[in-house]
Amino acid sequence: MPFLRFKGFDKQVIESMSTSLIEQFCHIADIPAEIVKLELLQVERVTNSPLSVEIYMFQREQEKHDAIAAMLDSELSQLGYQAHIFFVILSPALYYKEGKPIKEIPRKSAGTGTPLPTSPV
C-alpha cells in the first residue's frame, strides 16, 4: 500500500533503482514488496521547486520513518541528486478499498518474508 512518488526525476533513473529501493524500503518498514507502489509523477514546474519524494504510508515508529528517509537520501545522493523527502501519513480508517476502510497493516514475519496475519494499527 505505501506509495513512493518521485517528482522531477528522469524515468530511467527511477527505473534503474526501483528494485533496490523497494527491497530496502520493505526491509525497513517490515512489509511485503507486493504492496509497495513506486510512481514517477510528471509535473510542470511553475516556480523553482525541488526534486522530491513523497511517501504515502501508514504511521510507523519514528525510527522507521527516519531510516527510510536516510536510505532514500543515500541512494539518491550516490547518483548526484538532492531531493526533499517527506511523508504523508495515511489513516487506515480513512483509506478505502472496495468502499470499505481498511483498519489493519500487513506485516512480514521476521526473516521469512512471508506475511503474518494483519494487526491493528
PDB file of N, CA and C in Angstrom:
ATOM      1  N   MET A   1       0.786  -1.192   0.000  1.00  0.00           N
ATOM      2  CA  MET A   1       0.000   0.000   0.000  1.00  0.00           C
ATOM      3  C   MET A   1       0.832   1.263   0.000  1.00  0.00           C
ATOM      4  N   PRO A   2       2.026   1.268   0.600  1.00  0.00           N
ATOM      5  CA  PRO A   2       2.768   2.528   0.555  1.00  0.00           C
ATOM      6  C   PRO A   2       3.010   2.958  -0.887  1.00  0.00           C
ATOM      7  N   PHE A   3       2.947   4.266  -1.106  1.00  0.00           N
ATOM      8  CA  PHE A   3       3.228   4.848  -2.413  1.00  0.00           C
ATOM      9  C   PHE A   3       4.490   5.692  -2.275  1.00  0.00           C
ATOM     10  N   LEU A   4       5.479   5.412  -3.086  1.00  0.00           N
ATOM     11  CA  LEU A   4       6.673   6.247  -3.164  1.00  0.00           C
ATOM     12  C   LEU A   4       6.550   7.003  -4.471  1.00  0.00           C
ATOM     13  N   ARG A   5       6.353   8.308  -4.379  1.00  0.00           N
ATOM     14  CA  ARG A   5       6.095   9.135  -5.554  1.00  0.00           C
ATOM     15  C   ARG A   5       7.261  10.093  -5.770  1.00  0.00           C
ATOM     16  N   PHE A   6       7.927   9.912  -6.880  1.00  0.00           N
ATOM     17  CA  PHE A   6       9.087  10.721  -7.241  1.00  0.00           C
ATOM     18  C   PHE A   6       8.647  11.834  -8.174  1.00  0.00           C
ATOM     19  N   LYS A   7       9.049  13.066  -7.867  1.00  0.00           N
ATOM     20  CA  LYS A   7       8.691  14.217  -8.698  1.00  0.00           C
ATOM     21  C   LYS A   7       9.943  14.920  -9.184  1.00  0.00           C
ATOM     22  N   GLY A   8       9.987  15.135 -10.530  1.00  0.00           N
ATOM     23  CA  GLY A   8      11.077  15.885 -11.120  1.00  0.00           C
ATOM     24  C   GLY A   8      12.257  15.047 -11.571  1.00  0.00           C
ATOM     25  N   PHE A   9      12.185  13.744 -11.451  1.00  0.00           N
ATOM     26  CA  PHE A   9      13.282  12.855 -11.832  1.00  0.00           C
ATOM     27  C   PHE A   9      13.083  12.320 -13.247  1.00  0.00           C
ATOM     28  N   ASP A  10      14.183  11.860 -13.844  1.00  0.00           N
ATOM     29  CA  ASP A  10      14.112  11.169 -15.133  1.00  0.00           C
ATOM     30  C   ASP A  10      13.629   9.744 -14.894  1.00  0.00           C
ATOM     31  N   LYS A  11      12.810   9.262 -15.789  1.00  0.00           N
ATOM     32  CA  LYS A  11      12.241   7.921 -15.662  1.00  0.00           C
ATOM     33  C   LYS A  11      13.338   6.851 -15.579  1.00  0.00           C
ATOM     34  N   GLN A  12      14.365   6.966 -16.392  1.00  0.00           N
ATOM     35  CA  GLN A  12      15.430   5.966 -16.404  1.00  0.00           C
ATOM     36  C   GLN A  12      16.114   5.849 -15.043  1.00  0.00           C
ATOM     37  N   VAL A  13      16.283   6.959 -14.368  1.00  0.00           N
ATOM     38  CA  VAL A  13      16.923   6.958 -13.053  1.00  0.00           C
ATOM     39  C   VAL A  13      16.074   6.173 -12.056  1.00  0.00           C
ATOM     40  N   ILE A  14      14.785   6.456 -12.024  1.00  0.00           N
ATOM     41  CA  ILE A  14      13.895   5.786 -11.073  1.00  0.00           C
ATOM     42  C   ILE A  14      13.762   4.308 -11.419  1.00  0.00           C
ATOM     43  N   GLU A  15      13.636   3.989 -12.696  1.00  0.00           N
ATOM     44  CA  GLU A  15      13.546   2.580 -13.087  1.00  0.00           C
ATOM     45  C   GLU A  15      14.801   1.817 -12.702  1.00  0.00           C
ATOM     46  N   SER A  16      15.972   2.418 -12.882  1.00  0.00           N
ATOM     47  CA  SER A  16      17.231   1.725 -12.594  1.00  0.00           C
ATOM     48  C   SER A  16      17.404   1.409 -11.107  1.00  0.00           C
ATOM     49  N   MET A  17      16.814   2.210 -10.247  1.00  0.00           N
ATOM     50  CA  MET A  17      16.977   1.988  -8.814  1.00  0.00           C
ATOM     51  C   MET A  17      15.740   1.391  -8.154  1.00  0.00           C
ATOM     52  N   SER A  18      14.689   1.149  -8.910  1.00  0.00           N
ATOM     53  CA  SER A  18      13.410   0.740  -8.318  1.00  0.00           C
ATOM     54  C   SER A  18      13.481  -0.565  -7.530  1.00  0.00           C
ATOM     55  N   THR A  19      14.116  -1.594  -8.068  1.00  0.00           N
ATOM     56  CA  THR A  19      14.168  -2.882  -7.374  1.00  0.00           C
ATOM     57  C   THR A  19      14.890  -2.759  -6.038  1.00  0.00           C
ATOM     58  N   SER A  20      16.037  -2.109  -6.052  1.00  0.00           N
ATOM     59  CA  SER A  20      16.813  -1.926  -4.821  1.00  0.00           C
ATOM     60  C   SER A  20      16.056  -1.082  -3.798  1.00  0.00           C
ATOM     61  N   LEU A  21      15.436   0.013  -4.274  1.00  0.00           N
ATOM     62  CA  LEU A  21      14.681   0.875  -3.358  1.00  0.00           C
ATOM     63  C   LEU A  21      13.533   0.127  -2.694  1.00  0.00           C
ATOM     64  N   ILE A  22      12.799  -0.646  -3.482  1.00  0.00           N
ATOM     65  CA  ILE A  22      11.663  -1.382  -2.923  1.00  0.00           C
ATOM     66  C   ILE A  22      12.149  -2.412  -1.907  1.00  0.00           C
ATOM     67  N   GLU A  23      13.218  -3.129  -2.234  1.00  0.00           N
ATOM     68  CA  GLU A  23      13.748  -4.126  -1.299  1.00  0.00           C
ATOM     69  C   GLU A  23      14.160  -3.482   0.020  1.00  0.00           C
ATOM     70  N   GLN A  24      14.901  -2.383  -0.065  1.00  0.00           N
ATOM     71  CA  GLN A  24      15.354  -1.707   1.147  1.00  0.00           C
ATOM     72  C   GLN A  24      14.182  -1.127   1.934  1.00  0.00           C
ATOM     73  N   PHE A  25      13.239  -0.516   1.231  1.00  0.00           N
ATOM     74  CA  PHE A  25      12.067   0.063   1.875  1.00  0.00           C
ATOM     75  C   PHE A  25      11.301  -1.021   2.650  1.00  0.00           C
ATOM     76  N   CYS A  26      11.078  -2.157   1.996  1.00  0.00           N
ATOM     77  CA  CYS A  26      10.328  -3.248   2.623  1.00  0.00           C
ATOM     78  C   CYS A  26      11.041  -3.808   3.837  1.00  0.00           C
ATOM     79  N   HIS A  27      12.362  -3.890   3.746  1.00  0.00           N
ATOM     80  CA  HIS A  27      13.137  -4.379   4.887  1.00  0.00           C
ATOM     81  C   HIS A  27      12.970  -3.442   6.090  1.00  0.00           C
ATOM     82  N   ILE A  28      13.075  -2.157   5.849  1.00  0.00           N
ATOM     83  CA  ILE A  28      12.963  -1.183   6.935  1.00  0.00           C
ATOM     84  C   ILE A  28      11.540  -1.129   7.484  1.00  0.00           C
ATOM     85  N   ALA A  29      10.549  -1.053   6.595  1.00  0.00           N
ATOM     86  CA  ALA A  29       9.154  -0.898   7.021  1.00  0.00           C
ATOM     87  C   ALA A  29       8.540  -2.217   7.481  1.00  0.00           C
ATOM     88  N   ASP A  30       9.214  -3.345   7.205  1.00  0.00           N
ATOM     89  CA  ASP A  30       8.734  -4.674   7.573  1.00  0.00           C
ATOM     90  C   ASP A  30       7.390  -4.979   6.907  1.00  0.00           C
ATOM     91  N   ILE A  31       7.379  -4.844   5.591  1.00  0.00           N
ATOM     92  CA  ILE A  31       6.175  -5.109   4.800  1.00  0.00           C
ATOM     93  C   ILE A  31       6.540  -5.919   3.564  1.00  0.00           C
ATOM     94  N   PRO A  32       5.572  -6.625   2.977  1.00  0.00           N
ATOM     95  CA  PRO A  32       5.857  -7.378   1.754  1.00  0.00           C
ATOM     96  C   PRO A  32       5.996  -6.449   0.545  1.00  0.00           C
ATOM     97  N   ALA A  33       6.881  -6.815  -0.369  1.00  0.00           N
ATOM     98  CA  ALA A  33       7.160  -5.994  -1.549  1.00  0.00           C
ATOM     99  C   ALA A  33       5.944  -5.817  -2.445  1.00  0.00           C
ATOM    100  N   GLU A  34       5.059  -6.800  -2.470  1.00  0.00           N
ATOM    101  CA  GLU A  34       3.903  -6.741  -3.365  1.00  0.00           C
ATOM    102  C   GLU A  34       2.994  -5.541  -3.109  1.00  0.00           C
ATOM    103  N   ILE A  35       3.050  -4.984  -1.924  1.00  0.00           N
ATOM    104  CA  ILE A  35       2.118  -3.893  -1.621  1.00  0.00           C
ATOM    105  C   ILE A  35       2.715  -2.502  -1.857  1.00  0.00           C
ATOM    106  N   VAL A  36       3.997  -2.430  -2.186  1.00  0.00           N
ATOM    107  CA  VAL A  36       4.653  -1.140  -2.402  1.00  0.00           C
ATOM    108  C   VAL A  36       4.410  -0.670  -3.825  1.00  0.00           C
ATOM    109  N   LYS A  37       4.017   0.579  -3.969  1.00  0.00           N
ATOM    110  CA  LYS A  37       3.778   1.205  -5.275  1.00  0.00           C
ATOM    111  C   LYS A  37       4.826   2.292  -5.478  1.00  0.00           C
ATOM    112  N   LEU A  38       5.533   2.214  -6.583  1.00  0.00           N
ATOM    113  CA  LEU A  38       6.530   3.219  -6.907  1.00  0.00           C
ATOM    114  C   LEU A  38       6.046   3.958  -8.142  1.00  0.00           C
ATOM    115  N   GLU A  39       6.000   5.282  -8.054  1.00  0.00           N
ATOM    116  CA  GLU A  39       5.454   6.094  -9.144  1.00  0.00           C
ATOM    117  C   GLU A  39       6.381   7.261  -9.465  1.00  0.00           C
ATOM    118  N   LEU A  40       6.365   7.634 -10.723  1.00  0.00           N
ATOM    119  CA  LEU A  40       7.060   8.826 -11.168  1.00  0.00           C
ATOM    120  C   LEU A  40       5.995   9.803 -11.628  1.00  0.00           C
ATOM    121  N   LEU A  41       5.888  10.921 -10.935  1.00  0.00           N
ATOM    122  CA  LEU A  41       4.901  11.931 -11.283  1.00  0.00           C
ATOM    123  C   LEU A  41       5.533  12.957 -12.212  1.00  0.00           C
ATOM    124  N   GLN A  42       4.881  13.199 -13.312  1.00  0.00           N
ATOM    125  CA  GLN A  42       5.335  14.218 -14.250  1.00  0.00           C
ATOM    126  C   GLN A  42       4.684  15.542 -13.841  1.00  0.00           C
ATOM    127  N   VAL A  43       5.505  16.498 -13.539  1.00  0.00           N
ATOM    128  CA  VAL A  43       4.994  17.803 -13.120  1.00  0.00           C
ATOM    129  C   VAL A  43       5.595  18.888 -14.003  1.00  0.00           C
ATOM    130  N   GLU A  44       4.862  19.942 -14.146  1.00  0.00           N
ATOM    131  CA  GLU A  44       5.380  21.108 -14.848  1.00  0.00           C
ATOM    132  C   GLU A  44       5.684  22.152 -13.787  1.00  0.00           C
ATOM    133  N   ARG A  45       6.938  22.469 -13.642  1.00  0.00           N
ATOM    134  CA  ARG A  45       7.351  23.433 -12.618  1.00  0.00           C
ATOM    135  C   ARG A  45       6.962  24.835 -13.052  1.00  0.00           C
ATOM    136  N   VAL A  46       6.294  25.534 -12.178  1.00  0.00           N
ATOM    137  CA  VAL A  46       5.913  26.919 -12.429  1.00  0.00           C
ATOM    138  C   VAL A  46       6.928  27.836 -11.753  1.00  0.00           C
ATOM    139  N   THR A  47       7.351  27.440 -10.565  1.00  0.00           N
ATOM    140  CA  THR A  47       8.402  28.174  -9.862  1.00  0.00           C
ATOM    141  C   THR A  47       9.553  27.196  -9.620  1.00  0.00           C
ATOM    142  N   ASN A  48      10.579  27.647  -8.995  1.00  0.00           N
ATOM    143  CA  ASN A  48      11.758  26.824  -8.754  1.00  0.00           C
ATOM    144  C   ASN A  48      11.488  25.807  -7.640  1.00  0.00           C
ATOM    145  N   SER A  49      10.847  24.712  -7.976  1.00  0.00           N
ATOM    146  CA  SER A  49      10.552  23.690  -6.971  1.00  0.00           C
ATOM    147  C   SER A  49      11.593  22.582  -7.038  1.00  0.00           C
ATOM    148  N   PRO A  50      11.940  22.002  -5.877  1.00  0.00           N
ATOM    149  CA  PRO A  50      12.996  20.986  -5.838  1.00  0.00           C
ATOM    150  C   PRO A  50      12.494  19.610  -6.269  1.00  0.00           C
ATOM    151  N   LEU A  51      13.443  18.720  -6.561  1.00  0.00           N
ATOM    152  CA  LEU A  51      13.102  17.316  -6.720  1.00  0.00           C
ATOM    153  C   LEU A  51      12.533  16.846  -5.390  1.00  0.00           C
ATOM    154  N   SER A  52      11.588  15.917  -5.432  1.00  0.00           N
ATOM    155  CA  SER A  52      11.032  15.455  -4.160  1.00  0.00           C
ATOM    156  C   SER A  52      10.594  14.005  -4.244  1.00  0.00           C
ATOM    157  N   VAL A  53      10.525  13.396  -3.070  1.00  0.00           N
ATOM    158  CA  VAL A  53       9.990  12.055  -2.902  1.00  0.00           C
ATOM    159  C   VAL A  53       8.905  12.164  -1.845  1.00  0.00           C
ATOM    160  N   GLU A  54       7.698  11.841  -2.242  1.00  0.00           N
ATOM    161  CA  GLU A  54       6.557  11.834  -1.335  1.00  0.00           C
ATOM    162  C   GLU A  54       6.281  10.384  -0.964  1.00  0.00           C
ATOM    163  N   ILE A  55       6.162  10.108   0.309  1.00  0.00           N
ATOM    164  CA  ILE A  55       5.917   8.742   0.760  1.00  0.00           C
ATOM    165  C   ILE A  55       4.583   8.719   1.481  1.00  0.00           C
ATOM    166  N   TYR A  56       3.609   8.122   0.821  1.00  0.00           N
ATOM    167  CA  TYR A  56       2.280   7.978   1.396  1.00  0.00           C
ATOM    168  C   TYR A  56       2.232   6.626   2.089  1.00  0.00           C
ATOM    169  N   MET A  57       2.046   6.625   3.400  1.00  0.00           N
ATOM    170  CA  MET A  57       2.009   5.364   4.125  1.00  0.00           C
ATOM    171  C   MET A  57       1.344   5.549   5.485  1.00  0.00           C
ATOM    172  N   PHE A  58       1.077   4.424   6.127  1.00  0.00           N
ATOM    173  CA  PHE A  58       0.540   4.455   7.480  1.00  0.00           C
ATOM    174  C   PHE A  58       1.677   4.771   8.453  1.00  0.00           C
ATOM    175  N   GLN A  59       1.307   5.319   9.582  1.00  0.00           N
ATOM    176  CA  GLN A  59       2.266   5.703  10.619  1.00  0.00           C
ATOM    177  C   GLN A  59       3.052   4.487  11.095  1.00  0.00           C
ATOM    178  N   ARG A  60       4.353   4.676  11.226  1.00  0.00           N
ATOM    179  CA  ARG A  60       5.251   3.692  11.819  1.00  0.00           C
ATOM    180  C   ARG A  60       6.006   4.392  12.953  1.00  0.00           C
ATOM    181  N   GLU A  61       6.889   3.637  13.594  1.00  0.00           N
ATOM    182  CA  GLU A  61       7.735   4.236  14.619  1.00  0.00           C
ATOM    183  C   GLU A  61       8.616   5.294  13.958  1.00  0.00           C
ATOM    184  N   GLN A  62       8.929   6.350  14.667  1.00  0.00           N
ATOM    185  CA  GLN A  62       9.743   7.436  14.124  1.00  0.00           C
ATOM    186  C   GLN A  62      11.061   6.915  13.572  1.00  0.00           C
ATOM    187  N   GLU A  63      11.647   5.928  14.246  1.00  0.00           N
ATOM    188  CA  GLU A  63      12.919   5.366  13.799  1.00  0.00           C
ATOM    189  C   GLU A  63      12.801   4.768  12.400  1.00  0.00           C
ATOM    190  N   LYS A  64      11.658   4.171  12.078  1.00  0.00           N
ATOM    191  CA  LYS A  64      11.465   3.597  10.746  1.00  0.00           C
ATOM    192  C   LYS A  64      11.333   4.695   9.699  1.00  0.00           C
ATOM    193  N   HIS A  65      10.600   5.746  10.014  1.00  0.00           N
ATOM    194  CA  HIS A  65      10.489   6.870   9.086  1.00  0.00           C
ATOM    195  C   HIS A  65      11.872   7.489   8.852  1.00  0.00           C
ATOM    196  N   ASP A  66      12.631   7.667   9.934  1.00  0.00           N
ATOM    197  CA  ASP A  66      13.978   8.241   9.814  1.00  0.00           C
ATOM    198  C   ASP A  66      14.871   7.354   8.951  1.00  0.00           C
ATOM    199  N   ALA A  67      14.803   6.040   9.162  1.00  0.00           N
ATOM    200  CA  ALA A  67      15.643   5.102   8.402  1.00  0.00           C
ATOM    201  C   ALA A  67      15.256   5.083   6.922  1.00  0.00           C
ATOM    202  N   ILE A  68      13.973   5.155   6.631  1.00  0.00           N
ATOM    203  CA  ILE A  68      13.520   5.196   5.237  1.00  0.00           C
ATOM    204  C   ILE A  68      14.028   6.460   4.553  1.00  0.00           C
ATOM    205  N   ALA A  69      13.880   7.595   5.215  1.00  0.00           N
ATOM    206  CA  ALA A  69      14.346   8.863   4.634  1.00  0.00           C
ATOM    207  C   ALA A  69      15.859   8.846   4.434  1.00  0.00           C
ATOM    208  N   ALA A  70      16.602   8.310   5.399  1.00  0.00           N
ATOM    209  CA  ALA A  70      18.062   8.243   5.279  1.00  0.00           C
ATOM    210  C   ALA A  70      18.472   7.334   4.121  1.00  0.00           C
ATOM    211  N   MET A  71      17.781   6.205   3.970  1.00  0.00           N
ATOM    212  CA  MET A  71      18.087   5.276   2.878  1.00  0.00           C
ATOM    213  C   MET A  71      17.837   5.937   1.529  1.00  0.00           C
ATOM    214  N   LEU A  72      16.683   6.584   1.378  1.00  0.00           N
ATOM    215  CA  LEU A  72      16.363   7.255   0.118  1.00  0.00           C
ATOM    216  C   LEU A  72      17.365   8.365  -0.182  1.00  0.00           C
ATOM    217  N   ASP A  73      17.699   9.148   0.812  1.00  0.00           N
ATOM    218  CA  ASP A  73      18.666  10.226   0.623  1.00  0.00           C
ATOM    219  C   ASP A  73      20.016   9.668   0.198  1.00  0.00           C
ATOM    220  N   SER A  74      20.454   8.598   0.818  1.00  0.00           N
ATOM    221  CA  SER A  74      21.732   7.980   0.474  1.00  0.00           C
ATOM    222  C   SER A  74      21.740   7.463  -0.969  1.00  0.00           C
ATOM    223  N   GLU A  75      20.678   6.756  -1.342  1.00  0.00           N
ATOM    224  CA  GLU A  75      20.593   6.208  -2.701  1.00  0.00           C
ATOM    225  C   GLU A  75      20.571   7.322  -3.750  1.00  0.00           C
ATOM    226  N   LEU A  76      19.813   8.369  -3.492  1.00  0.00           N
ATOM    227  CA  LEU A  76      19.737   9.475  -4.444  1.00  0.00           C
ATOM    228  C   LEU A  76      21.037  10.272  -4.480  1.00  0.00           C
ATOM    229  N   SER A  77      21.651  10.467  -3.327  1.00  0.00           N
ATOM    230  CA  SER A  77      22.919  11.209  -3.259  1.00  0.00           C
ATOM    231  C   SER A  77      24.017  10.502  -4.045  1.00  0.00           C
ATOM    232  N   GLN A  78      24.026   9.159  -4.009  1.00  0.00           N
ATOM    233  CA  GLN A  78      25.032   8.397  -4.753  1.00  0.00           C
ATOM    234  C   GLN A  78      24.912   8.634  -6.255  1.00  0.00           C
ATOM    235  N   LEU A  79      23.726   9.022  -6.699  1.00  0.00           N
ATOM    236  CA  LEU A  79      23.506   9.309  -8.113  1.00  0.00           C
ATOM    237  C   LEU A  79      23.608  10.808  -8.412  1.00  0.00           C
ATOM    238  N   GLY A  80      23.968  11.589  -7.394  1.00  0.00           N
ATOM    239  CA  GLY A  80      24.156  13.021  -7.592  1.00  0.00           C
ATOM    240  C   GLY A  80      22.910  13.864  -7.400  1.00  0.00           C
ATOM    241  N   TYR A  81      21.874  13.296  -6.790  1.00  0.00           N
ATOM    242  CA  TYR A  81      20.625  14.024  -6.592  1.00  0.00           C
ATOM    243  C   TYR A  81      20.445  14.426  -5.132  1.00  0.00           C
ATOM    244  N   GLN A  82      19.903  15.610  -4.945  1.00  0.00           N
ATOM    245  CA  GLN A  82      19.462  16.070  -3.632  1.00  0.00           C
ATOM    246  C   GLN A  82      17.964  16.319  -3.751  1.00  0.00           C
ATOM    247  N   ALA A  83      17.179  15.702  -2.904  1.00  0.00           N
ATOM    248  CA  ALA A  83      15.726  15.827  -3.004  1.00  0.00           C
ATOM    249  C   ALA A  83      15.124  16.062  -1.640  1.00  0.00           C
ATOM    250  N   HIS A  84      13.989  16.707  -1.643  1.00  0.00           N
ATOM    251  CA  HIS A  84      13.197  16.821  -0.431  1.00  0.00           C
ATOM    252  C   HIS A  84      12.441  15.507  -0.277  1.00  0.00           C
ATOM    253  N   ILE A  85      12.462  14.955   0.912  1.00  0.00           N
ATOM    254  CA  ILE A  85      11.780  13.690   1.196  1.00  0.00           C
ATOM    255  C   ILE A  85      10.789  13.960   2.311  1.00  0.00           C
ATOM    256  N   PHE A  86       9.523  13.609   2.069  1.00  0.00           N
ATOM    257  CA  PHE A  86       8.539  13.817   3.131  1.00  0.00           C
ATOM    258  C   PHE A  86       7.471  12.744   3.104  1.00  0.00           C
ATOM    259  N   PHE A  87       6.892  12.542   4.275  1.00  0.00           N
ATOM    260  CA  PHE A  87       5.859  11.526   4.459  1.00  0.00           C
ATOM    261  C   PHE A  87       4.491  12.181   4.504  1.00  0.00           C
ATOM    262  N   VAL A  88       3.543  11.549   3.893  1.00  0.00           N
ATOM    263  CA  VAL A  88       2.139  11.896   4.028  1.00  0.00           C
ATOM    264  C   VAL A  88       1.532  10.710   4.763  1.00  0.00           C
ATOM    265  N   ILE A  89       1.188  10.926   6.003  1.00  0.00           N
ATOM    266  CA  ILE A  89       0.707   9.833   6.852  1.00  0.00           C
ATOM    267  C   ILE A  89      -0.774   9.602   6.599  1.00  0.00           C
ATOM    268  N   LEU A  90      -1.092   8.366   6.273  1.00  0.00           N
ATOM    269  CA  LEU A  90      -2.472   7.970   5.994  1.00  0.00           C
ATOM    270  C   LEU A  90      -3.085   7.306   7.211  1.00  0.00           C
ATOM    271  N   SER A  91      -4.387   7.411   7.316  1.00  0.00           N
ATOM    272  CA  SER A  91      -5.129   6.762   8.394  1.00  0.00           C
ATOM    273  C   SER A  91      -5.846   5.541   7.826  1.00  0.00           C
ATOM    274  N   PRO A  92      -5.645   4.367   8.409  1.00  0.00           N
ATOM    275  CA  PRO A  92      -6.348   3.179   7.914  1.00  0.00           C
ATOM    276  C   PRO A  92      -7.861   3.358   7.911  1.00  0.00           C
ATOM    277  N   ALA A  93      -8.383   4.134   8.844  1.00  0.00           N
ATOM    278  CA  ALA A  93      -9.828   4.363   8.899  1.00  0.00           C
ATOM    279  C   ALA A  93     -10.302   5.253   7.750  1.00  0.00           C
ATOM    280  N   LEU A  94      -9.365   5.975   7.111  1.00  0.00           N
ATOM    281  CA  LEU A  94      -9.722   6.873   6.016  1.00  0.00           C
ATOM    282  C   LEU A  94      -9.134   6.413   4.684  1.00  0.00           C
ATOM    283  N   TYR A  95      -8.639   5.183   4.627  1.00  0.00           N
ATOM    284  CA  TYR A  95      -8.111   4.599   3.393  1.00  0.00           C
ATOM    285  C   TYR A  95      -9.082   3.484   3.000  1.00  0.00           C
ATOM    286  N   TYR A  96      -9.644   3.595   1.819  1.00  0.00           N
ATOM    287  CA  TYR A  96     -10.728   2.699   1.422  1.00  0.00           C
ATOM    288  C   TYR A  96     -10.319   1.769   0.289  1.00  0.00           C
ATOM    289  N   LYS A  97     -10.718   0.516   0.418  1.00  0.00           N
ATOM    290  CA  LYS A  97     -10.601  -0.472  -0.653  1.00  0.00           C
ATOM    291  C   LYS A  97     -11.982  -1.090  -0.800  1.00  0.00           C
ATOM    292  N   GLU A  98     -12.474  -1.092  -2.022  1.00  0.00           N
ATOM    293  CA  GLU A  98     -13.807  -1.618  -2.308  1.00  0.00           C
ATOM    294  C   GLU A  98     -14.877  -0.928  -1.449  1.00  0.00           C
ATOM    295  N   GLY A  99     -14.677   0.361  -1.222  1.00  0.00           N
ATOM    296  CA  GLY A  99     -15.655   1.161  -0.498  1.00  0.00           C
ATOM    297  C   GLY A  99     -15.648   0.981   1.003  1.00  0.00           C
ATOM    298  N   LYS A 100     -14.691   0.218   1.531  1.00  0.00           N
ATOM    299  CA  LYS A 100     -14.639  -0.029   2.985  1.00  0.00           C
ATOM    300  C   LYS A 100     -13.271   0.383   3.514  1.00  0.00           C
ATOM    301  N   PRO A 101     -13.246   1.007   4.691  1.00  0.00           N
ATOM    302  CA  PRO A 101     -11.953   1.408   5.250  1.00  0.00           C
ATOM    303  C   PRO A 101     -11.148   0.185   5.672  1.00  0.00           C
ATOM    304  N   ILE A 102      -9.856   0.234   5.386  1.00  0.00           N
ATOM    305  CA  ILE A 102      -9.000  -0.824   5.916  1.00  0.00           C
ATOM    306  C   ILE A 102      -8.541  -0.349   7.278  1.00  0.00           C
ATOM    307  N   LYS A 103      -8.412  -1.251   8.193  1.00  0.00           N
ATOM    308  CA  LYS A 103      -8.060  -0.843   9.552  1.00  0.00           C
ATOM    309  C   LYS A 103      -6.853  -1.579  10.082  1.00  0.00           C
ATOM    310  N   GLU A 104      -6.161  -2.313   9.203  1.00  0.00           N
ATOM    311  CA  GLU A 104      -5.025  -3.095   9.628  1.00  0.00           C
ATOM    312  C   GLU A 104      -3.877  -2.919   8.651  1.00  0.00           C
ATOM    313  N   ILE A 105      -2.663  -3.140   9.135  1.00  0.00           N
ATOM    314  CA  ILE A 105      -1.464  -3.013   8.324  1.00  0.00           C
ATOM    315  C   ILE A 105      -0.817  -4.388   8.187  1.00  0.00           C
ATOM    316  N   PRO A 106      -0.590  -4.861   6.954  1.00  0.00           N
ATOM    317  CA  PRO A 106       0.090  -6.144   6.800  1.00  0.00           C
ATOM    318  C   PRO A 106       1.537  -6.060   7.257  1.00  0.00           C
ATOM    319  N   ARG A 107       2.040  -7.124   7.849  1.00  0.00           N
ATOM    320  CA  ARG A 107       3.432  -7.215   8.291  1.00  0.00           C
ATOM    321  C   ARG A 107       4.037  -8.510   7.768  1.00  0.00           C
ATOM    322  N   LYS A 108       5.371  -8.554   7.706  1.00  0.00           N
ATOM    323  CA  LYS A 108       6.067  -9.776   7.342  1.00  0.00           C
ATOM    324  C   LYS A 108       6.513 -10.460   8.623  1.00  0.00           C
ATOM    325  N   SER A 109       6.655 -11.784   8.574  1.00  0.00           N
ATOM    326  CA  SER A 109       7.245 -12.488   9.699  1.00  0.00           C
ATOM    327  C   SER A 109       8.749 -12.251   9.657  1.00  0.00           C
ATOM    328  N   ALA A 110       9.375 -12.239  10.807  1.00  0.00           N
ATOM    329  CA  ALA A 110      10.798 -11.924  10.898  1.00  0.00           C
ATOM    330  C   ALA A 110      11.633 -12.915  10.107  1.00  0.00           C
ATOM    331  N   GLY A 111      12.382 -12.381   9.154  1.00  0.00           N
ATOM    332  CA  GLY A 111      13.335 -13.179   8.424  1.00  0.00           C
ATOM    333  C   GLY A 111      12.785 -14.066   7.322  1.00  0.00           C
ATOM    334  N   THR A 112      11.487 -14.297   7.247  1.00  0.00           N
ATOM    335  CA  THR A 112      10.984 -15.236   6.256  1.00  0.00           C
ATOM    336  C   THR A 112      10.397 -14.551   5.048  1.00  0.00           C
ATOM    337  N   GLY A 113       9.974 -13.304   5.196  1.00  0.00           N
ATOM    338  CA  GLY A 113       9.361 -12.607   4.079  1.00  0.00           C
ATOM    339  C   GLY A 113       7.922 -13.018   3.838  1.00  0.00           C
ATOM    340  N   THR A 114       7.405 -13.931   4.650  1.00  0.00           N
ATOM    341  CA  THR A 114       6.028 -14.348   4.480  1.00  0.00           C
ATOM    342  C   THR A 114       5.109 -13.470   5.308  1.00  0.00           C
ATOM    343  N   PRO A 115       3.946 -13.157   4.786  1.00  0.00           N
ATOM    344  CA  PRO A 115       3.045 -12.271   5.527  1.00  0.00           C
ATOM    345  C   PRO A 115       2.535 -12.926   6.809  1.00  0.00           C
ATOM    346  N   LEU A 116       2.428 -12.127   7.830  1.00  0.00           N
ATOM    347  CA  LEU A 116       1.789 -12.532   9.078  1.00  0.00           C
ATOM    348  C   LEU A 116       0.338 -12.090   9.019  1.00  0.00           C
ATOM    349  N   PRO A 117      -0.493 -12.636   9.885  1.00  0.00           N
ATOM    350  CA  PRO A 117      -1.847 -12.082   9.963  1.00  0.00           C
ATOM    351  C   PRO A 117      -1.744 -10.590  10.254  1.00  0.00           C
ATOM    352  N   THR A 118      -2.689  -9.838   9.735  1.00  0.00           N
ATOM    353  CA  THR A 118      -2.632  -8.391   9.939  1.00  0.00           C
ATOM    354  C   THR A 118      -2.894  -8.062  11.393  1.00  0.00           C
ATOM    355  N   SER A 119      -2.359  -6.920  11.797  1.00  0.00           N
ATOM    356  CA  SER A 119      -2.527  -6.493  13.174  1.00  0.00           C
ATOM    357  C   SER A 119      -3.152  -5.108  13.194  1.00  0.00           C
ATOM    358  N   PRO A 120      -3.887  -4.813  14.256  1.00  0.00           N
ATOM    359  CA  PRO A 120      -4.491  -3.472  14.340  1.00  0.00           C
ATOM    360  C   PRO A 120      -3.419  -2.403  14.363  1.00  0.00           C
ATOM    361  N   VAL A 121      -3.759  -1.225  13.892  1.00  0.00           N
ATOM    362  CA  VAL A 121      -2.831  -0.099  13.858  1.00  0.00           C
ATOM    363  C   VAL A 121      -2.539   0.354  15.252  1.00  0.00           C
TER     364      VAL A 121
END
